[in-house]
N, C-alpha and C. Protein backbone atom coordinates (compact mmCIF):
# COMPACT_ATOMS: atom_id res chain seq x y z
N MET A 1 0.54 -1.11 -0.09
CA MET A 1 0.12 0.06 0.01
C MET A 1 0.84 1.14 -0.15
N ARG A 2 1.87 1.15 0.58
CA ARG A 2 2.69 2.42 0.76
C ARG A 2 3.41 2.91 -0.56
N GLU A 3 3.56 1.44 -1.41
CA GLU A 3 4.21 2.02 -2.52
C GLU A 3 3.28 2.69 -3.65
N LEU A 4 1.86 2.10 -3.40
CA LEU A 4 1.03 2.69 -4.27
C LEU A 4 1.00 4.12 -3.59
N ASP A 5 0.90 4.65 -2.59
CA ASP A 5 0.79 6.03 -1.79
C ASP A 5 1.72 6.84 -2.51
N ALA A 6 3.19 6.13 -2.57
CA ALA A 6 4.46 6.83 -2.96
C ALA A 6 4.16 7.11 -4.43
N LEU A 7 3.90 5.95 -5.06
CA LEU A 7 3.63 6.21 -6.65
C LEU A 7 2.52 7.29 -6.99
N GLU A 8 1.67 7.46 -6.36
CA GLU A 8 0.41 8.44 -6.48
C GLU A 8 1.29 9.56 -6.06
N GLU A 9 1.75 9.96 -5.07
CA GLU A 9 2.42 11.21 -4.90
C GLU A 9 3.36 11.81 -6.00
N GLN A 10 4.02 10.82 -6.16
CA GLN A 10 4.85 11.26 -7.42
C GLN A 10 4.21 11.39 -8.93
N LEU A 11 2.81 10.73 -9.02
CA LEU A 11 2.14 11.38 -10.30
C LEU A 11 1.82 12.62 -10.00
N VAL A 12 0.92 12.97 -8.72
CA VAL A 12 0.64 14.04 -8.43
C VAL A 12 1.74 15.25 -8.84
N LYS A 13 2.73 14.93 -8.22
CA LYS A 13 3.91 16.10 -8.55
C LYS A 13 4.02 16.37 -10.01
N GLN A 14 4.20 15.12 -10.76
CA GLN A 14 4.46 15.38 -12.35
C GLN A 14 3.15 15.79 -12.99
N LEU A 15 2.09 15.50 -12.57
CA LEU A 15 0.76 16.10 -13.14
C LEU A 15 0.97 17.64 -12.64
N ASP A 16 1.36 17.82 -11.63
CA ASP A 16 1.19 19.46 -11.11
C ASP A 16 2.24 20.49 -12.26
N GLN A 17 3.59 19.47 -12.42
CA GLN A 17 4.53 20.15 -13.36
C GLN A 17 3.98 20.28 -14.80
N VAL A 18 3.34 19.12 -15.21
CA VAL A 18 2.94 19.13 -16.49
C VAL A 18 1.81 20.37 -16.62
N ARG A 19 0.83 20.67 -15.53
CA ARG A 19 0.02 21.82 -15.61
C ARG A 19 0.87 23.11 -15.72
N ALA A 20 1.54 23.35 -14.91
CA ALA A 20 2.28 24.42 -14.97
C ALA A 20 3.08 24.82 -16.22
N LYS A 21 3.57 23.54 -16.87
CA LYS A 21 4.27 23.89 -18.10
C LYS A 21 3.13 24.30 -19.33
N ARG A 22 1.83 23.70 -18.76
CA ARG A 22 1.26 23.99 -20.31
C ARG A 22 0.48 25.42 -19.80
N ASP A 23 0.56 25.88 -18.53
CA ASP A 23 -0.17 27.08 -18.55
C ASP A 23 0.87 28.12 -19.30
N GLU A 24 2.07 27.69 -18.60
CA GLU A 24 3.05 28.86 -19.31
C GLU A 24 3.39 28.73 -20.88
N LEU A 25 2.82 27.47 -21.55
CA LEU A 25 2.93 27.59 -23.06
C LEU A 25 1.50 28.21 -23.24
N ALA A 26 0.52 28.29 -22.68
CA ALA A 26 -0.61 28.55 -23.12
C ALA A 26 -0.35 30.34 -23.06
N VAL A 27 0.26 30.82 -21.95
CA VAL A 27 0.83 32.30 -21.92
C VAL A 27 1.44 32.92 -22.85
N ALA A 28 2.40 32.00 -23.08
CA ALA A 28 3.36 32.42 -24.34
C ALA A 28 3.06 32.25 -25.62
N GLU A 29 1.97 31.58 -26.17
CA GLU A 29 1.09 31.65 -26.96
C GLU A 29 0.34 32.49 -27.33
N ARG A 30 -0.37 33.10 -26.15
CA ARG A 30 -1.19 34.43 -26.57
C ARG A 30 -0.25 35.71 -26.62
N VAL A 31 0.79 35.27 -26.02
CA VAL A 31 1.65 36.39 -26.23
C VAL A 31 2.11 36.48 -27.65
N TRP A 32 2.71 35.56 -28.04
CA TRP A 32 3.27 35.25 -29.67
C TRP A 32 2.14 35.67 -30.40
N HIS A 33 0.96 35.33 -30.20
CA HIS A 33 -0.22 36.05 -31.03
C HIS A 33 -0.46 37.60 -31.28
N ARG A 34 -0.06 37.81 -29.84
CA ARG A 34 -0.50 39.38 -29.80
C ARG A 34 0.66 40.13 -30.43
N MET A 35 1.84 39.53 -30.48
CA MET A 35 3.08 40.15 -31.25
C MET A 35 2.78 40.09 -32.58
N ALA A 36 2.56 38.73 -33.22
CA ALA A 36 2.57 38.57 -34.60
C ALA A 36 1.19 39.80 -35.22
N GLU A 37 -0.04 39.93 -34.26
CA GLU A 37 -0.68 40.86 -34.91
C GLU A 37 0.04 42.18 -34.88
N GLN A 38 0.59 42.27 -33.82
CA GLN A 38 1.23 43.97 -33.90
C GLN A 38 2.09 44.25 -34.98
N LEU A 39 2.84 43.13 -35.40
CA LEU A 39 3.74 43.08 -36.31
C LEU A 39 3.13 43.22 -38.06
N ALA A 40 2.06 42.44 -38.08
CA ALA A 40 1.32 42.52 -39.36
C ALA A 40 0.44 43.85 -39.41
N ASP A 41 0.14 44.45 -38.14
CA ASP A 41 -0.39 45.78 -38.07
C ASP A 41 0.55 46.93 -38.60
N GLU A 42 1.61 46.81 -37.92
CA GLU A 42 2.72 47.53 -38.53
C GLU A 42 3.16 47.71 -39.89
N GLN A 43 3.21 46.24 -40.55
CA GLN A 43 3.69 46.16 -41.85
C GLN A 43 2.79 46.50 -42.46
N ALA A 44 1.45 46.43 -42.26
CA ALA A 44 0.40 47.01 -43.03
C ALA A 44 0.29 48.49 -43.51
N ALA A 45 0.93 49.06 -42.08
CA ALA A 45 0.92 50.29 -42.07
C ALA A 45 1.88 51.29 -42.49
N THR A 46 2.84 50.39 -43.02
CA THR A 46 4.26 50.76 -43.82
C THR A 46 4.05 50.51 -45.23
N ALA A 47 3.54 49.37 -45.42
CA ALA A 47 3.03 48.99 -46.87
C ALA A 47 3.08 49.98 -47.91
N PRO A 48 3.37 50.10 -49.26
CA PRO A 48 2.89 51.39 -49.97
C PRO A 48 1.45 50.92 -50.05
N VAL A 49 0.49 51.93 -50.37
CA VAL A 49 -0.86 52.16 -50.30
C VAL A 49 -1.05 51.94 -51.74
N SER A 50 -2.11 51.17 -52.37
CA SER A 50 -2.39 51.15 -53.58
C SER A 50 -3.88 51.76 -53.80
N ALA A 51 -4.63 52.52 -54.80
CA ALA A 51 -5.84 52.45 -55.01
C ALA A 51 -6.13 52.60 -56.55
N GLN A 52 -7.42 52.76 -57.12
CA GLN A 52 -7.92 52.27 -58.38
C GLN A 52 -8.11 53.39 -58.88
N VAL A 53 -7.61 54.30 -60.08
CA VAL A 53 -8.20 55.19 -60.68
C VAL A 53 -8.23 54.58 -62.06
N ALA A 54 -9.08 55.25 -62.31
CA ALA A 54 -9.92 54.70 -63.89
C ALA A 54 -9.25 53.15 -64.22
N GLY A 55 -9.63 52.43 -63.29
CA GLY A 55 -9.42 50.90 -63.42
C GLY A 55 -8.14 50.62 -63.51
N ARG A 56 -6.99 51.46 -63.32
CA ARG A 56 -5.97 51.28 -63.11
C ARG A 56 -5.28 51.38 -61.52
N ALA A 57 -4.37 50.39 -61.03
CA ALA A 57 -3.98 50.17 -59.82
C ALA A 57 -2.83 51.42 -59.80
N VAL A 58 -2.89 52.42 -58.38
CA VAL A 58 -2.08 53.31 -58.87
C VAL A 58 -1.34 53.23 -57.14
N LEU A 59 0.16 53.63 -57.03
CA LEU A 59 0.45 53.30 -55.78
C LEU A 59 0.46 54.83 -55.07
N LEU A 60 0.19 55.09 -54.07
CA LEU A 60 -0.08 56.31 -53.18
C LEU A 60 1.16 57.06 -52.31
N VAL A 61 1.51 57.84 -52.30
CA VAL A 61 2.52 58.41 -51.59
C VAL A 61 2.05 58.77 -50.33
N ARG A 62 2.67 58.39 -49.15
CA ARG A 62 2.09 58.53 -48.25
C ARG A 62 2.60 59.95 -47.45
N HIS A 63 1.99 60.51 -46.68
CA HIS A 63 2.47 61.77 -45.97
C HIS A 63 3.70 61.35 -44.88
N ARG A 64 4.69 62.13 -44.76
CA ARG A 64 6.13 61.97 -44.06
C ARG A 64 5.62 62.05 -42.88
N GLU A 65 5.67 61.37 -41.67
CA GLU A 65 5.47 61.72 -40.38
C GLU A 65 6.65 61.03 -39.66
N GLY A 66 7.18 62.21 -38.72
CA GLY A 66 8.37 61.66 -37.81
C GLY A 66 9.65 61.24 -38.56
N ASP A 67 9.95 60.34 -38.04
CA ASP A 67 11.23 59.11 -38.65
C ASP A 67 10.88 58.17 -39.51
N MET A 68 9.91 58.63 -40.37
CA MET A 68 9.34 57.54 -41.37
C MET A 68 10.57 57.22 -42.26
N ALA A 69 10.60 55.93 -42.51
CA ALA A 69 11.78 55.50 -43.45
C ALA A 69 11.27 55.58 -44.90
N GLU A 70 12.08 56.19 -46.06
CA GLU A 70 11.84 56.08 -47.37
C GLU A 70 11.06 54.58 -47.72
N THR A 71 11.48 53.83 -47.08
CA THR A 71 11.20 52.34 -47.67
C THR A 71 9.67 51.91 -47.67
N VAL A 72 8.63 53.27 -47.21
CA VAL A 72 7.42 53.46 -46.94
C VAL A 72 6.74 53.42 -48.68
N LEU A 73 7.68 54.14 -49.38
CA LEU A 73 7.80 54.81 -50.40
C LEU A 73 7.83 53.73 -51.65
N PRO A 74 7.01 53.63 -52.88
CA PRO A 74 6.89 52.99 -54.25
C PRO A 74 8.38 53.09 -54.41
N SER A 75 9.40 52.12 -54.89
CA SER A 75 10.51 52.03 -55.43
C SER A 75 10.74 53.06 -56.36
N GLU A 76 9.99 53.60 -57.18
CA GLU A 76 10.30 54.51 -58.03
C GLU A 76 10.68 55.89 -57.45
N TYR A 77 9.67 56.38 -56.17
CA TYR A 77 9.83 57.55 -55.67
C TYR A 77 10.91 57.50 -54.59
N GLN A 78 11.46 56.01 -54.31
CA GLN A 78 12.65 56.17 -53.56
C GLN A 78 14.15 56.36 -54.14
N LYS A 79 14.05 55.99 -55.83
CA LYS A 79 14.92 56.57 -56.60
C LYS A 79 15.23 57.88 -56.82
N ILE A 80 13.72 58.41 -56.92
CA ILE A 80 13.89 60.03 -57.19
C ILE A 80 14.38 60.72 -55.74
N LEU A 81 14.14 60.16 -54.97
CA LEU A 81 14.88 60.72 -53.43
C LEU A 81 16.38 60.63 -53.68
N ALA A 82 16.82 59.64 -54.06
CA ALA A 82 18.11 58.85 -54.08
C ALA A 82 19.10 60.09 -54.80
N ALA A 83 18.27 60.35 -56.16
CA ALA A 83 19.02 61.21 -57.03
C ALA A 83 19.20 62.64 -56.61
N ILE A 84 18.16 63.16 -56.13
CA ILE A 84 18.55 64.44 -55.65
C ILE A 84 19.47 64.09 -54.33
N ARG A 85 19.16 63.51 -53.67
CA ARG A 85 20.37 63.53 -52.12
C ARG A 85 21.37 63.25 -52.95
N GLN A 86 21.78 62.44 -53.92
CA GLN A 86 23.03 62.29 -54.55
C GLN A 86 23.84 63.77 -55.17
N ALA A 87 22.78 64.45 -55.91
CA ALA A 87 23.26 65.65 -56.05
C ALA A 87 23.84 66.55 -55.24
N GLY A 88 23.21 66.50 -53.92
CA GLY A 88 23.97 67.32 -52.93
C GLY A 88 23.38 68.49 -52.86
N ALA A 89 22.61 69.31 -54.00
CA ALA A 89 22.06 70.38 -54.19
C ALA A 89 20.70 70.41 -54.45
N PRO A 90 19.99 71.70 -54.23
CA PRO A 90 18.57 71.64 -55.00
C PRO A 90 18.76 71.51 -56.43
N VAL A 91 17.93 70.73 -57.35
CA VAL A 91 17.92 70.45 -58.69
C VAL A 91 16.57 70.77 -59.24
N VAL A 92 16.80 70.86 -60.34
CA VAL A 92 15.69 71.27 -61.15
C VAL A 92 15.00 69.65 -61.73
N THR A 93 13.69 69.65 -62.34
CA THR A 93 13.18 68.43 -62.89
C THR A 93 14.22 67.91 -63.95
N ARG A 94 14.54 68.87 -64.97
CA ARG A 94 15.17 67.91 -65.91
C ARG A 94 16.86 67.22 -65.40
N GLU A 95 17.30 68.05 -64.15
CA GLU A 95 18.44 67.16 -63.77
C GLU A 95 18.19 65.82 -63.05
N VAL A 96 16.91 65.91 -62.33
CA VAL A 96 16.48 64.44 -61.78
C VAL A 96 16.41 63.58 -62.73
N GLY A 97 15.46 63.99 -63.92
CA GLY A 97 15.40 63.18 -65.02
C GLY A 97 16.75 62.62 -65.77
N GLU A 98 17.64 63.51 -65.91
CA GLU A 98 19.20 63.27 -66.29
C GLU A 98 19.51 61.93 -65.47
N ALA A 99 19.27 62.40 -64.02
CA ALA A 99 19.92 61.27 -63.03
C ALA A 99 19.65 60.13 -63.12
N LEU A 100 18.17 60.18 -63.39
CA LEU A 100 17.38 58.90 -63.55
C LEU A 100 17.31 58.16 -64.96
N GLY A 101 18.08 58.86 -65.80
CA GLY A 101 18.02 58.06 -67.18
C GLY A 101 16.88 58.20 -68.14
N LEU A 102 16.48 59.16 -67.50
CA LEU A 102 14.95 59.20 -68.77
C LEU A 102 15.65 60.76 -70.12
N ASP A 103 14.84 60.30 -71.03
CA ASP A 103 14.69 60.95 -72.05
C ASP A 103 14.43 62.39 -71.99
N THR A 104 15.02 63.34 -71.44
CA THR A 104 14.86 64.82 -70.87
C THR A 104 14.38 65.61 -72.03
N SER A 105 14.66 65.10 -73.36
CA SER A 105 13.91 66.12 -74.43
C SER A 105 12.62 65.47 -74.81
N VAL A 106 11.90 64.65 -74.03
CA VAL A 106 10.55 64.28 -74.34
C VAL A 106 9.55 65.20 -73.06
N ARG A 107 9.14 65.96 -73.38
CA ARG A 107 8.36 66.78 -72.15
C ARG A 107 7.21 65.98 -71.50
N GLY A 108 6.83 65.06 -72.09
CA GLY A 108 5.74 64.39 -71.52
C GLY A 108 6.63 63.47 -70.19
N GLU A 109 7.64 62.89 -70.73
CA GLU A 109 8.62 62.50 -69.47
C GLU A 109 8.94 63.27 -68.14
N LEU A 110 9.28 64.51 -68.59
CA LEU A 110 9.67 65.39 -67.61
C LEU A 110 8.35 65.83 -67.01
N GLU A 111 7.16 66.07 -67.49
CA GLU A 111 5.75 66.35 -66.92
C GLU A 111 5.49 65.24 -65.88
N GLN A 112 5.83 64.14 -66.35
CA GLN A 112 5.14 63.02 -65.24
C GLN A 112 6.03 62.96 -64.02
N LEU A 113 7.32 63.30 -64.32
CA LEU A 113 8.38 63.51 -63.38
C LEU A 113 7.98 64.59 -62.06
N ARG A 114 7.82 65.81 -62.80
CA ARG A 114 7.46 66.91 -62.19
C ARG A 114 6.54 66.80 -61.25
N GLY A 115 5.37 66.21 -61.69
CA GLY A 115 3.99 65.49 -60.94
C GLY A 115 4.62 64.97 -59.72
N LYS A 116 5.45 64.13 -59.89
CA LYS A 116 5.89 63.17 -58.79
C LYS A 116 6.53 63.83 -57.98
N LEU A 117 7.53 64.77 -58.16
CA LEU A 117 8.43 65.67 -57.54
C LEU A 117 7.53 66.33 -56.66
N THR A 118 6.27 67.05 -57.43
CA THR A 118 5.39 68.24 -56.35
C THR A 118 4.73 67.17 -55.30
N LYS A 119 4.39 65.95 -55.70
CA LYS A 119 3.60 64.87 -54.80
C LYS A 119 4.46 64.86 -53.69
N LEU A 120 5.68 64.56 -54.00
CA LEU A 120 6.97 64.50 -52.77
C LEU A 120 6.96 65.54 -52.03
N ALA A 121 6.73 66.81 -52.54
CA ALA A 121 6.91 68.00 -51.92
C ALA A 121 5.71 68.38 -50.97
N GLU A 122 4.53 67.92 -51.49
CA GLU A 122 3.26 68.02 -50.90
C GLU A 122 3.41 67.20 -49.83
N ARG A 123 3.67 66.00 -49.62
CA ARG A 123 3.69 64.95 -48.84
C ARG A 123 4.77 65.12 -47.68
N GLY A 124 5.54 65.99 -47.65
CA GLY A 124 6.78 66.65 -46.94
C GLY A 124 7.88 65.54 -47.00
N TRP A 125 7.91 65.01 -48.25
CA TRP A 125 9.47 64.33 -48.49
C TRP A 125 10.48 65.14 -49.05
N LEU A 126 10.05 66.15 -49.97
CA LEU A 126 11.00 67.31 -50.59
C LEU A 126 10.56 68.68 -50.46
N ARG A 127 11.50 69.43 -50.41
CA ARG A 127 10.94 70.61 -50.14
C ARG A 127 10.82 71.53 -51.70
N LYS A 128 9.95 72.17 -52.27
CA LYS A 128 9.69 72.75 -53.56
C LYS A 128 10.54 74.27 -53.04
N LEU A 129 11.49 74.54 -53.63
CA LEU A 129 11.91 76.21 -53.38
C LEU A 129 11.09 77.32 -54.41
N SER A 130 11.04 78.32 -54.23
CA SER A 130 10.51 79.35 -55.15
C SER A 130 10.88 79.48 -56.78
N ASP A 131 12.01 78.94 -56.52
CA ASP A 131 12.53 78.98 -57.98
C ASP A 131 12.54 77.39 -59.00
N GLY A 132 11.50 76.69 -58.43
CA GLY A 132 10.89 75.64 -58.98
C GLY A 132 11.98 74.39 -58.67
N ARG A 133 13.30 74.48 -57.96
CA ARG A 133 13.82 73.43 -57.66
C ARG A 133 13.55 72.63 -56.57
N PHE A 134 14.01 71.30 -56.46
CA PHE A 134 13.56 70.77 -55.13
C PHE A 134 14.59 70.09 -54.74
N ALA A 135 14.55 70.21 -53.22
CA ALA A 135 15.60 69.50 -52.13
C ALA A 135 15.14 68.43 -51.37
N VAL A 136 16.03 67.75 -50.69
CA VAL A 136 15.42 66.52 -49.72
C VAL A 136 15.21 67.28 -48.23
N CYS A 137 14.05 66.70 -47.83
CA CYS A 137 13.91 67.07 -46.48
C CYS A 137 15.08 66.60 -45.40
N LEU A 138 15.35 67.34 -44.68
CA LEU A 138 16.39 66.86 -43.59
C LEU A 138 15.57 66.17 -42.29
């Protein structure tokens, strides 16, 4: 009988240990799910946003907030910012186009680029100077 009592006592201890570990795992799983949801929300907030305009998907340029990284911008806009930054001084649209390898003799190309530069300025990524040149915001 004593052997059975000792065995029962040992099994009760083991069962308590298993329950404690199971509870710890349940807490860890809840924390993991919460963190995964937070990460997904953060990634969704920083992903380039697209919209439908005239049946076409168009990437939207987000307003710059605080220390927001340029990586939230579509790659085309990131290249524009890099070209202006590389110039080291305020530049006109034609200079940005040349740095990007665009055919600057085609007015339509420059007008599209000017629109993108203006959009970046309106959203706080660039400064548009009174003489029409653009500079990267610090």
